[in-house]
Amino acid sequence: MISLEFIDAIITSIFIVTMSLVIFIFINRISKTYGIVIANLQQKILEMESLLIESRAQINRLNEKINNLLIEHDSLTTRVYQLEAALYEKKEIPRKREEVPKRVEVRREARGRARLNETEKTILKLLMSGPKTSREIREVLKLSREHIARELKYLYENGYVKRITDTKPFTYEINEEMIEEIESL
């Protein structure tokens, strides 16, 4: 008969062989899984290196564009300074005030017949305190820009006011020859 020790030895041998087989299968699967993981990681590393190279190229192109823009900015800034200097030099030249055109002289006879409306009279009273722009007059009278422009044009064409064109926007002032007539309004 087979002894218990022999059976025990066989069972132990079978157990060791089975465990070895299980461990081998486990290690084999882990190796395959590990190999797949390693391959996937290597693929991702290659993709990231490719993106990094592409990003560096884009950064270099952007740096080149920025440098070109800075050069253009410097050139434009220099040009602006040159234009400002030229404008400043032109401002130093004394300008003449615009004289009342000859056509105003022709219409002066009709002026006696011209009736001034209340807005025109108010504008003339405002101008009696000194020259004003159309914007300043508009702010006081609270009328539209077009309305004030129309009234000032009428007063200018009829010789009541002078237009000073050496300022922007134009400035209007009372025509000294008309002061007596304006004061009688």
N, C-alpha and C. Protein backbone atom coordinates (compact mmCIF):
# COMPACT_ATOMS: atom_id res chain seq x y z
N MET A 1 0.80 -1.16 0.00
CA MET A 1 0.00 0.00 0.00
C MET A 1 0.86 1.25 0.00
N ILE A 2 0.17 2.28 -0.43
CA ILE A 2 0.88 3.55 -0.57
C ILE A 2 0.79 4.24 0.80
N SER A 3 1.91 4.71 1.15
CA SER A 3 1.93 5.33 2.46
C SER A 3 1.42 6.76 2.41
N LEU A 4 1.06 7.16 3.57
CA LEU A 4 0.54 8.53 3.71
C LEU A 4 1.61 9.55 3.38
N GLU A 5 2.75 9.24 3.65
CA GLU A 5 3.84 10.18 3.35
C GLU A 5 4.01 10.33 1.85
N PHE A 6 3.85 9.20 1.15
CA PHE A 6 3.98 9.24 -0.30
C PHE A 6 2.85 10.08 -0.90
N ILE A 7 1.64 9.88 -0.42
CA ILE A 7 0.48 10.64 -0.91
C ILE A 7 0.68 12.11 -0.55
N ASP A 8 1.17 12.31 0.60
CA ASP A 8 1.43 13.70 1.02
C ASP A 8 2.48 14.32 0.11
N ALA A 9 3.48 13.62 -0.26
CA ALA A 9 4.53 14.12 -1.14
C ALA A 9 3.97 14.37 -2.53
N ILE A 10 3.10 13.49 -3.03
CA ILE A 10 2.50 13.65 -4.35
C ILE A 10 1.59 14.89 -4.34
N ILE A 11 0.79 15.01 -3.30
CA ILE A 11 -0.11 16.17 -3.21
C ILE A 11 0.71 17.45 -3.14
N THR A 12 1.77 17.42 -2.39
CA THR A 12 2.63 18.59 -2.29
C THR A 12 3.26 18.88 -3.65
N SER A 13 3.69 17.87 -4.37
CA SER A 13 4.28 18.06 -5.69
C SER A 13 3.25 18.64 -6.67
N ILE A 14 2.02 18.06 -6.64
CA ILE A 14 0.95 18.55 -7.52
C ILE A 14 0.63 20.00 -7.16
N PHE A 15 0.59 20.28 -5.90
CA PHE A 15 0.31 21.67 -5.46
C PHE A 15 1.40 22.61 -5.96
N ILE A 16 2.64 22.21 -5.82
CA ILE A 16 3.77 23.06 -6.27
C ILE A 16 3.72 23.23 -7.77
N VAL A 17 3.45 22.16 -8.53
CA VAL A 17 3.37 22.27 -9.99
C VAL A 17 2.20 23.17 -10.38
N THR A 18 1.07 22.99 -9.73
CA THR A 18 -0.11 23.81 -10.03
C THR A 18 0.17 25.28 -9.71
N MET A 19 0.75 25.50 -8.58
CA MET A 19 1.06 26.89 -8.20
C MET A 19 2.08 27.48 -9.17
N SER A 20 3.04 26.69 -9.59
CA SER A 20 4.03 27.17 -10.55
C SER A 20 3.36 27.52 -11.87
N LEU A 21 2.43 26.66 -12.31
CA LEU A 21 1.70 26.92 -13.54
C LEU A 21 0.86 28.17 -13.42
N VAL A 22 0.16 28.34 -12.31
CA VAL A 22 -0.66 29.54 -12.07
C VAL A 22 0.24 30.78 -12.07
N ILE A 23 1.36 30.69 -11.38
CA ILE A 23 2.29 31.84 -11.33
C ILE A 23 2.83 32.14 -12.72
N PHE A 24 3.15 31.08 -13.50
CA PHE A 24 3.64 31.29 -14.86
C PHE A 24 2.60 31.98 -15.72
N ILE A 25 1.37 31.49 -15.66
CA ILE A 25 0.27 32.10 -16.43
C ILE A 25 0.07 33.55 -15.99
N PHE A 26 0.08 33.77 -14.69
CA PHE A 26 -0.10 35.13 -14.16
C PHE A 26 1.02 36.05 -14.65
N ILE A 27 2.25 35.58 -14.56
CA ILE A 27 3.40 36.40 -14.99
C ILE A 27 3.33 36.62 -16.50
N ASN A 28 2.92 35.61 -17.24
CA ASN A 28 2.79 35.73 -18.68
C ASN A 28 1.75 36.80 -19.03
N ARG A 29 0.62 36.77 -18.38
CA ARG A 29 -0.42 37.79 -18.63
C ARG A 29 0.04 39.17 -18.20
N ILE A 30 0.70 39.23 -17.06
CA ILE A 30 1.22 40.53 -16.61
C ILE A 30 2.23 41.05 -17.62
N SER A 31 3.07 40.17 -18.13
CA SER A 31 4.07 40.59 -19.11
C SER A 31 3.40 41.13 -20.37
N LYS A 32 2.37 40.43 -20.85
CA LYS A 32 1.64 40.89 -22.04
C LYS A 32 0.98 42.23 -21.76
N THR A 33 0.31 42.34 -20.62
CA THR A 33 -0.36 43.60 -20.24
C THR A 33 0.68 44.70 -20.08
N TYR A 34 1.77 44.38 -19.43
CA TYR A 34 2.84 45.35 -19.23
C TYR A 34 3.42 45.78 -20.57
N GLY A 35 3.59 44.83 -21.48
CA GLY A 35 4.08 45.13 -22.83
C GLY A 35 3.14 46.06 -23.57
N ILE A 36 1.83 45.82 -23.45
CA ILE A 36 0.83 46.68 -24.10
C ILE A 36 0.86 48.08 -23.50
N VAL A 37 0.95 48.13 -22.17
CA VAL A 37 1.01 49.42 -21.48
C VAL A 37 2.26 50.17 -21.91
N ILE A 38 3.39 49.47 -21.96
CA ILE A 38 4.64 50.11 -22.38
C ILE A 38 4.52 50.61 -23.81
N ALA A 39 3.95 49.81 -24.70
CA ALA A 39 3.77 50.20 -26.10
C ALA A 39 2.87 51.43 -26.21
N ASN A 40 1.78 51.45 -25.44
CA ASN A 40 0.88 52.61 -25.45
C ASN A 40 1.59 53.86 -24.93
N LEU A 41 2.36 53.69 -23.87
CA LEU A 41 3.11 54.83 -23.33
C LEU A 41 4.13 55.36 -24.33
N GLN A 42 4.81 54.44 -25.03
CA GLN A 42 5.78 54.86 -26.04
C GLN A 42 5.08 55.61 -27.17
N GLN A 43 3.89 55.14 -27.57
CA GLN A 43 3.12 55.81 -28.62
C GLN A 43 2.71 57.22 -28.17
N LYS A 44 2.25 57.34 -26.93
CA LYS A 44 1.86 58.65 -26.40
C LYS A 44 3.06 59.58 -26.32
N ILE A 45 4.21 59.06 -25.93
CA ILE A 45 5.42 59.88 -25.86
C ILE A 45 5.78 60.40 -27.25
N LEU A 46 5.68 59.54 -28.26
CA LEU A 46 5.96 59.97 -29.63
C LEU A 46 4.99 61.06 -30.10
N GLU A 47 3.70 60.90 -29.78
CA GLU A 47 2.70 61.90 -30.14
C GLU A 47 3.00 63.23 -29.45
N MET A 48 3.36 63.17 -28.17
CA MET A 48 3.65 64.40 -27.42
C MET A 48 4.91 65.09 -27.96
N GLU A 49 5.91 64.31 -28.34
CA GLU A 49 7.12 64.90 -28.92
C GLU A 49 6.78 65.59 -30.24
N SER A 50 5.91 64.97 -31.04
CA SER A 50 5.48 65.58 -32.30
C SER A 50 4.74 66.89 -32.04
N LEU A 51 3.84 66.91 -31.05
CA LEU A 51 3.11 68.14 -30.70
C LEU A 51 4.06 69.21 -30.18
N LEU A 52 5.06 68.80 -29.42
CA LEU A 52 6.03 69.75 -28.90
C LEU A 52 6.82 70.40 -30.03
N ILE A 53 7.23 69.60 -31.01
CA ILE A 53 7.96 70.15 -32.17
C ILE A 53 7.07 71.11 -32.94
N GLU A 54 5.82 70.75 -33.15
CA GLU A 54 4.88 71.62 -33.86
C GLU A 54 4.63 72.91 -33.08
N SER A 55 4.49 72.80 -31.76
CA SER A 55 4.27 73.99 -30.92
C SER A 55 5.46 74.93 -30.98
N ARG A 56 6.68 74.35 -30.94
CA ARG A 56 7.87 75.19 -31.03
C ARG A 56 7.92 75.93 -32.35
N ALA A 57 7.53 75.27 -33.43
CA ALA A 57 7.51 75.93 -34.75
C ALA A 57 6.50 77.07 -34.76
N GLN A 58 5.32 76.84 -34.16
CA GLN A 58 4.30 77.90 -34.09
C GLN A 58 4.79 79.06 -33.24
N ILE A 59 5.45 78.76 -32.14
CA ILE A 59 5.99 79.82 -31.27
C ILE A 59 7.03 80.63 -32.03
N ASN A 60 7.88 79.97 -32.80
CA ASN A 60 8.89 80.69 -33.58
C ASN A 60 8.24 81.60 -34.62
N ARG A 61 7.16 81.10 -35.28
CA ARG A 61 6.45 81.94 -36.26
C ARG A 61 5.81 83.14 -35.57
N LEU A 62 5.21 82.92 -34.39
CA LEU A 62 4.59 84.03 -33.66
C LEU A 62 5.63 85.04 -33.20
N ASN A 63 6.77 84.57 -32.74
CA ASN A 63 7.85 85.49 -32.35
C ASN A 63 8.31 86.34 -33.53
N GLU A 64 8.38 85.72 -34.69
CA GLU A 64 8.78 86.47 -35.89
C GLU A 64 7.74 87.53 -36.22
N LYS A 65 6.45 87.17 -36.13
CA LYS A 65 5.39 88.15 -36.40
C LYS A 65 5.42 89.28 -35.38
N ILE A 66 5.64 88.94 -34.11
CA ILE A 66 5.71 89.96 -33.05
C ILE A 66 6.87 90.91 -33.32
N ASN A 67 8.01 90.36 -33.69
CA ASN A 67 9.17 91.22 -34.00
C ASN A 67 8.87 92.14 -35.17
N ASN A 68 8.21 91.62 -36.21
CA ASN A 68 7.83 92.46 -37.35
C ASN A 68 6.86 93.56 -36.93
N LEU A 69 5.90 93.21 -36.06
CA LEU A 69 4.94 94.21 -35.58
C LEU A 69 5.64 95.29 -34.74
N LEU A 70 6.61 94.88 -33.93
CA LEU A 70 7.36 95.85 -33.13
C LEU A 70 8.15 96.80 -34.03
N ILE A 71 8.75 96.26 -35.07
CA ILE A 71 9.48 97.10 -36.02
C ILE A 71 8.53 98.08 -36.69
N GLU A 72 7.35 97.58 -37.11
CA GLU A 72 6.36 98.44 -37.75
C GLU A 72 5.84 99.49 -36.77
N HIS A 73 5.63 99.09 -35.50
CA HIS A 73 5.18 100.03 -34.47
C HIS A 73 6.21 101.15 -34.28
N ASP A 74 7.48 100.77 -34.20
CA ASP A 74 8.53 101.78 -34.04
C ASP A 74 8.55 102.74 -35.22
N SER A 75 8.37 102.19 -36.42
CA SER A 75 8.36 103.03 -37.63
C SER A 75 7.17 103.99 -37.60
N LEU A 76 6.00 103.47 -37.22
CA LEU A 76 4.80 104.33 -37.16
C LEU A 76 4.93 105.38 -36.06
N THR A 77 5.50 105.00 -34.93
CA THR A 77 5.70 105.95 -33.84
C THR A 77 6.62 107.08 -34.28
N THR A 78 7.68 106.72 -34.97
CA THR A 78 8.60 107.74 -35.49
C THR A 78 7.86 108.66 -36.46
N ARG A 79 7.04 108.08 -37.32
CA ARG A 79 6.28 108.89 -38.30
C ARG A 79 5.30 109.82 -37.58
N VAL A 80 4.65 109.32 -36.53
CA VAL A 80 3.71 110.17 -35.77
C VAL A 80 4.45 111.35 -35.15
N TYR A 81 5.62 111.09 -34.56
CA TYR A 81 6.41 112.16 -33.97
C TYR A 81 6.82 113.19 -35.03
N GLN A 82 7.18 112.70 -36.22
CA GLN A 82 7.54 113.62 -37.30
C GLN A 82 6.35 114.48 -37.70
N LEU A 83 5.18 113.84 -37.81
CA LEU A 83 3.97 114.59 -38.18
C LEU A 83 3.58 115.59 -37.10
N GLU A 84 3.70 115.18 -35.84
CA GLU A 84 3.38 116.11 -34.74
C GLU A 84 4.33 117.29 -34.74
N ALA A 85 5.60 117.03 -35.01
CA ALA A 85 6.58 118.12 -35.07
C ALA A 85 6.24 119.06 -36.22
N ALA A 86 5.88 118.50 -37.37
CA ALA A 86 5.51 119.33 -38.51
C ALA A 86 4.26 120.14 -38.20
N LEU A 87 3.30 119.52 -37.54
CA LEU A 87 2.07 120.22 -37.17
C LEU A 87 2.37 121.32 -36.17
N TYR A 88 3.24 121.03 -35.20
CA TYR A 88 3.61 122.03 -34.20
C TYR A 88 4.27 123.23 -34.88
N GLU A 89 5.15 122.95 -35.84
CA GLU A 89 5.81 124.04 -36.57
C GLU A 89 4.79 124.87 -37.32
N LYS A 90 3.77 124.23 -37.89
CA LYS A 90 2.74 124.96 -38.62
C LYS A 90 1.89 125.81 -37.69
N LYS A 91 1.68 125.35 -36.45
CA LYS A 91 0.89 126.11 -35.49
C LYS A 91 1.59 127.40 -35.10
N GLU A 92 2.89 127.42 -35.19
CA GLU A 92 3.64 128.62 -34.82
C GLU A 92 3.45 129.76 -35.82
N ILE A 93 3.01 129.43 -37.03
CA ILE A 93 2.80 130.46 -38.05
C ILE A 93 1.50 131.20 -37.72
N PRO A 94 1.56 132.52 -37.57
CA PRO A 94 0.33 133.25 -37.27
C PRO A 94 -0.66 133.15 -38.44
N ARG A 95 -1.89 132.92 -38.11
CA ARG A 95 -2.92 132.79 -39.14
C ARG A 95 -3.80 134.02 -39.14
N LYS A 96 -4.29 134.31 -40.30
CA LYS A 96 -5.19 135.45 -40.43
C LYS A 96 -6.61 134.97 -40.19
N ARG A 97 -7.39 135.84 -39.61
CA ARG A 97 -8.80 135.53 -39.44
C ARG A 97 -9.48 135.73 -40.79
N GLU A 98 -10.47 134.91 -41.03
CA GLU A 98 -11.17 134.99 -42.30
C GLU A 98 -11.95 136.30 -42.38
N GLU A 99 -11.76 136.96 -43.45
CA GLU A 99 -12.51 138.19 -43.68
C GLU A 99 -13.89 137.84 -44.21
N VAL A 100 -14.84 138.74 -44.00
CA VAL A 100 -16.18 138.52 -44.50
C VAL A 100 -16.11 138.56 -46.02
N PRO A 101 -16.61 137.55 -46.71
CA PRO A 101 -16.52 137.50 -48.16
C PRO A 101 -17.27 138.65 -48.83
N LYS A 102 -16.91 138.92 -50.07
CA LYS A 102 -17.53 140.01 -50.82
C LYS A 102 -19.03 139.81 -50.99
N ARG A 103 -19.48 138.56 -51.12
CA ARG A 103 -20.91 138.33 -51.32
C ARG A 103 -21.73 138.83 -50.13
N VAL A 104 -21.09 138.89 -48.95
CA VAL A 104 -21.78 139.43 -47.79
C VAL A 104 -22.06 140.91 -48.01
N GLU A 105 -21.11 141.59 -48.62
CA GLU A 105 -21.29 143.01 -48.92
C GLU A 105 -22.49 143.21 -49.85
N VAL A 106 -22.66 142.33 -50.80
CA VAL A 106 -23.77 142.44 -51.75
C VAL A 106 -25.10 142.24 -51.03
N ARG A 107 -25.15 141.32 -50.08
CA ARG A 107 -26.39 141.00 -49.38
C ARG A 107 -26.69 141.95 -48.23
N ARG A 108 -25.77 142.84 -47.93
CA ARG A 108 -25.92 143.72 -46.78
C ARG A 108 -27.19 144.57 -46.91
N GLU A 109 -27.56 144.94 -48.14
CA GLU A 109 -28.77 145.75 -48.34
C GLU A 109 -30.01 144.94 -47.93
N ALA A 110 -29.99 143.67 -48.21
CA ALA A 110 -31.14 142.82 -47.87
C ALA A 110 -31.21 142.59 -46.36
N ARG A 111 -30.10 142.80 -45.65
CA ARG A 111 -30.06 142.53 -44.23
C ARG A 111 -31.08 143.38 -43.47
N GLY A 112 -31.28 144.62 -43.91
CA GLY A 112 -32.24 145.48 -43.23
C GLY A 112 -33.64 144.89 -43.27
N ARG A 113 -33.93 144.18 -44.33
CA ARG A 113 -35.25 143.57 -44.46
C ARG A 113 -35.33 142.21 -43.80
N ALA A 114 -34.16 141.62 -43.55
CA ALA A 114 -34.16 140.27 -42.97
C ALA A 114 -34.64 140.34 -41.53
N ARG A 115 -35.51 139.45 -41.20
CA ARG A 115 -36.01 139.38 -39.84
C ARG A 115 -35.28 138.24 -39.15
N LEU A 116 -34.79 138.52 -37.97
CA LEU A 116 -34.10 137.49 -37.21
C LEU A 116 -35.10 136.79 -36.30
N ASN A 117 -35.00 135.47 -36.26
CA ASN A 117 -35.88 134.74 -35.34
C ASN A 117 -35.28 134.78 -33.94
N GLU A 118 -35.99 134.23 -32.97
CA GLU A 118 -35.54 134.29 -31.57
C GLU A 118 -34.23 133.52 -31.36
N THR A 119 -34.07 132.40 -32.05
CA THR A 119 -32.83 131.61 -31.91
C THR A 119 -31.65 132.43 -32.40
N GLU A 120 -31.79 133.08 -33.54
CA GLU A 120 -30.69 133.89 -34.10
C GLU A 120 -30.36 135.05 -33.16
N LYS A 121 -31.39 135.68 -32.61
CA LYS A 121 -31.15 136.77 -31.66
C LYS A 121 -30.40 136.26 -30.42
N THR A 122 -30.80 135.09 -29.92
CA THR A 122 -30.14 134.50 -28.75
C THR A 122 -28.69 134.18 -29.05
N ILE A 123 -28.43 133.66 -30.24
CA ILE A 123 -27.05 133.34 -30.64
C ILE A 123 -26.22 134.62 -30.66
N LEU A 124 -26.77 135.69 -31.23
CA LEU A 124 -26.04 136.96 -31.28
C LEU A 124 -25.75 137.49 -29.88
N LYS A 125 -26.71 137.36 -28.98
CA LYS A 125 -26.49 137.82 -27.60
C LYS A 125 -25.38 136.99 -26.93
N LEU A 126 -25.36 135.68 -27.20
CA LEU A 126 -24.29 134.83 -26.66
C LEU A 126 -22.92 135.26 -27.20
N LEU A 127 -22.89 135.58 -28.48
CA LEU A 127 -21.61 135.96 -29.10
C LEU A 127 -21.15 137.35 -28.66
N MET A 128 -22.03 138.13 -28.12
CA MET A 128 -21.64 139.46 -27.62
C MET A 128 -20.65 139.32 -26.45
N SER A 129 -20.70 138.19 -25.74
CA SER A 129 -19.78 137.98 -24.61
C SER A 129 -18.43 137.44 -25.07
N GLY A 130 -18.29 137.11 -26.35
CA GLY A 130 -17.01 136.64 -26.88
C GLY A 130 -17.21 135.51 -27.88
N PRO A 131 -16.16 135.19 -28.64
CA PRO A 131 -16.24 134.14 -29.66
C PRO A 131 -16.61 132.79 -29.04
N LYS A 132 -17.38 132.01 -29.81
CA LYS A 132 -17.82 130.70 -29.34
C LYS A 132 -17.85 129.73 -30.53
N THR A 133 -17.70 128.45 -30.23
CA THR A 133 -17.86 127.42 -31.24
C THR A 133 -19.33 127.04 -31.34
N SER A 134 -19.68 126.36 -32.41
CA SER A 134 -21.07 125.92 -32.55
C SER A 134 -21.45 124.95 -31.43
N ARG A 135 -20.48 124.16 -30.98
CA ARG A 135 -20.74 123.21 -29.88
C ARG A 135 -21.09 123.96 -28.59
N GLU A 136 -20.36 125.03 -28.30
CA GLU A 136 -20.64 125.81 -27.09
C GLU A 136 -22.03 126.44 -27.16
N ILE A 137 -22.37 126.93 -28.35
CA ILE A 137 -23.71 127.53 -28.53
C ILE A 137 -24.77 126.45 -28.38
N ARG A 138 -24.52 125.29 -28.97
CA ARG A 138 -25.48 124.19 -28.91
C ARG A 138 -25.71 123.74 -27.46
N GLU A 139 -24.66 123.71 -26.65
CA GLU A 139 -24.80 123.29 -25.25
C GLU A 139 -25.68 124.26 -24.46
N VAL A 140 -25.59 125.54 -24.79
CA VAL A 140 -26.40 126.53 -24.07
C VAL A 140 -27.86 126.46 -24.53
N LEU A 141 -28.07 126.39 -25.85
CA LEU A 141 -29.43 126.46 -26.38
C LEU A 141 -30.15 125.10 -26.39
N LYS A 142 -29.40 124.02 -26.24
CA LYS A 142 -29.99 122.67 -26.21
C LYS A 142 -30.77 122.37 -27.50
N LEU A 143 -30.17 122.75 -28.63
CA LEU A 143 -30.76 122.48 -29.94
C LEU A 143 -29.85 121.52 -30.70
N SER A 144 -30.35 120.97 -31.80
CA SER A 144 -29.57 120.01 -32.57
C SER A 144 -28.40 120.70 -33.27
N ARG A 145 -27.41 119.90 -33.61
CA ARG A 145 -26.22 120.40 -34.30
C ARG A 145 -26.62 121.01 -35.65
N GLU A 146 -27.55 120.36 -36.36
CA GLU A 146 -27.98 120.85 -37.66
C GLU A 146 -28.69 122.21 -37.54
N HIS A 147 -29.52 122.34 -36.52
CA HIS A 147 -30.26 123.58 -36.32
C HIS A 147 -29.28 124.74 -36.06
N ILE A 148 -28.34 124.53 -35.16
CA ILE A 148 -27.36 125.58 -34.85
C ILE A 148 -26.53 125.90 -36.09
N ALA A 149 -26.12 124.90 -36.84
CA ALA A 149 -25.32 125.12 -38.06
C ALA A 149 -26.09 125.97 -39.06
N ARG A 150 -27.38 125.67 -39.23
CA ARG A 150 -28.23 126.43 -40.17
C ARG A 150 -28.35 127.89 -39.74
N GLU A 151 -28.56 128.12 -38.44
CA GLU A 151 -28.69 129.49 -37.92
C GLU A 151 -27.38 130.26 -38.07
N LEU A 152 -26.25 129.61 -37.74
CA LEU A 152 -24.96 130.29 -37.86
C LEU A 152 -24.63 130.59 -39.31
N LYS A 153 -25.00 129.69 -40.21
CA LYS A 153 -24.77 129.95 -41.64
C LYS A 153 -25.56 131.18 -42.10
N TYR A 154 -26.80 131.26 -41.66
CA TYR A 154 -27.62 132.41 -42.03
C TYR A 154 -27.02 133.72 -41.49
N LEU A 155 -26.61 133.70 -40.22
CA LEU A 155 -26.02 134.90 -39.62
C LEU A 155 -24.70 135.26 -40.31
N TYR A 156 -23.93 134.26 -40.70
CA TYR A 156 -22.65 134.50 -41.38
C TYR A 156 -22.89 135.10 -42.76
N GLU A 157 -23.81 134.49 -43.50
CA GLU A 157 -24.07 134.96 -44.86
C GLU A 157 -24.68 136.36 -44.88
N ASN A 158 -25.35 136.74 -43.82
CA ASN A 158 -25.95 138.06 -43.76
C ASN A 158 -25.07 139.08 -43.05
N GLY A 159 -23.84 138.69 -42.72
CA GLY A 159 -22.86 139.63 -42.20
C GLY A 159 -22.95 139.92 -40.71
N TYR A 160 -23.78 139.23 -39.97
CA TYR A 160 -23.89 139.47 -38.54
C TYR A 160 -22.69 138.93 -37.77
N VAL A 161 -22.15 137.80 -38.24
CA VAL A 161 -21.02 137.17 -37.54
C VAL A 161 -19.88 136.90 -38.51
N LYS A 162 -18.68 136.74 -37.92
CA LYS A 162 -17.50 136.32 -38.68
C LYS A 162 -17.20 134.88 -38.29
N ARG A 163 -16.66 134.16 -39.25
CA ARG A 163 -16.26 132.76 -38.99
C ARG A 163 -14.73 132.74 -38.92
N ILE A 164 -14.21 132.29 -37.79
CA ILE A 164 -12.76 132.19 -37.60
C ILE A 164 -12.37 130.75 -37.97
N THR A 165 -11.63 130.62 -39.07
CA THR A 165 -11.32 129.28 -39.59
C THR A 165 -9.97 128.75 -39.14
N ASP A 166 -9.23 129.50 -38.33
CA ASP A 166 -7.93 128.98 -37.89
C ASP A 166 -8.06 128.08 -36.68
N THR A 167 -9.29 127.80 -36.26
CA THR A 167 -9.52 126.85 -35.17
C THR A 167 -10.42 125.74 -35.68
N LYS A 168 -10.30 124.59 -35.09
CA LYS A 168 -11.18 123.48 -35.41
C LYS A 168 -11.82 123.03 -34.11
N PRO A 169 -13.10 123.04 -33.94
CA PRO A 169 -14.09 123.51 -34.89
C PRO A 169 -14.04 125.03 -35.05
N PHE A 170 -14.68 125.53 -36.12
CA PHE A 170 -14.68 126.97 -36.37
C PHE A 170 -15.24 127.72 -35.17
N THR A 171 -14.75 128.93 -35.00
CA THR A 171 -15.25 129.80 -33.94
C THR A 171 -15.99 130.95 -34.62
N TYR A 172 -17.06 131.38 -34.00
CA TYR A 172 -17.85 132.49 -34.53
C TYR A 172 -17.77 133.66 -33.57
N GLU A 173 -17.72 134.88 -34.15
CA GLU A 173 -17.71 136.09 -33.34
C GLU A 173 -18.54 137.15 -34.03
N ILE A 174 -18.96 138.14 -33.26
CA ILE A 174 -19.77 139.23 -33.79
C ILE A 174 -18.94 140.03 -34.79
N ASN A 175 -19.56 140.39 -35.91
CA ASN A 175 -18.94 141.30 -36.86
C ASN A 175 -19.03 142.71 -36.26
N GLU A 176 -17.86 143.34 -36.01
CA GLU A 176 -17.83 144.63 -35.32
C GLU A 176 -18.72 145.68 -36.00
N GLU A 177 -18.85 145.60 -37.32
CA GLU A 177 -19.67 146.57 -38.05
C GLU A 177 -21.15 146.45 -37.71
N MET A 178 -21.53 145.32 -37.13
CA MET A 178 -22.94 145.06 -36.87
C MET A 178 -23.31 145.24 -35.40
N ILE A 179 -22.40 145.67 -34.57
CA ILE A 179 -22.65 145.74 -33.12
C ILE A 179 -23.85 146.65 -32.82
N GLU A 180 -23.90 147.82 -33.44
CA GLU A 180 -25.01 148.75 -33.16
C GLU A 180 -26.36 148.14 -33.55
N GLU A 181 -26.37 147.49 -34.71
CA GLU A 181 -27.62 146.88 -35.16
C GLU A 181 -28.03 145.73 -34.24
N ILE A 182 -27.05 144.96 -33.77
CA ILE A 182 -27.34 143.83 -32.89
C ILE A 182 -27.83 144.31 -31.54
N GLU A 183 -27.21 145.38 -31.02
CA GLU A 183 -27.63 145.91 -29.72
C GLU A 183 -29.04 146.48 -29.75
N SER A 184 -29.49 146.87 -30.93
CA SER A 184 -30.84 147.43 -31.04
C SER A 184 -31.91 146.32 -31.10
N LEU A 185 -31.52 145.07 -31.16
CA LEU A 185 -32.49 143.97 -31.24
C LEU A 185 -33.23 143.78 -29.94
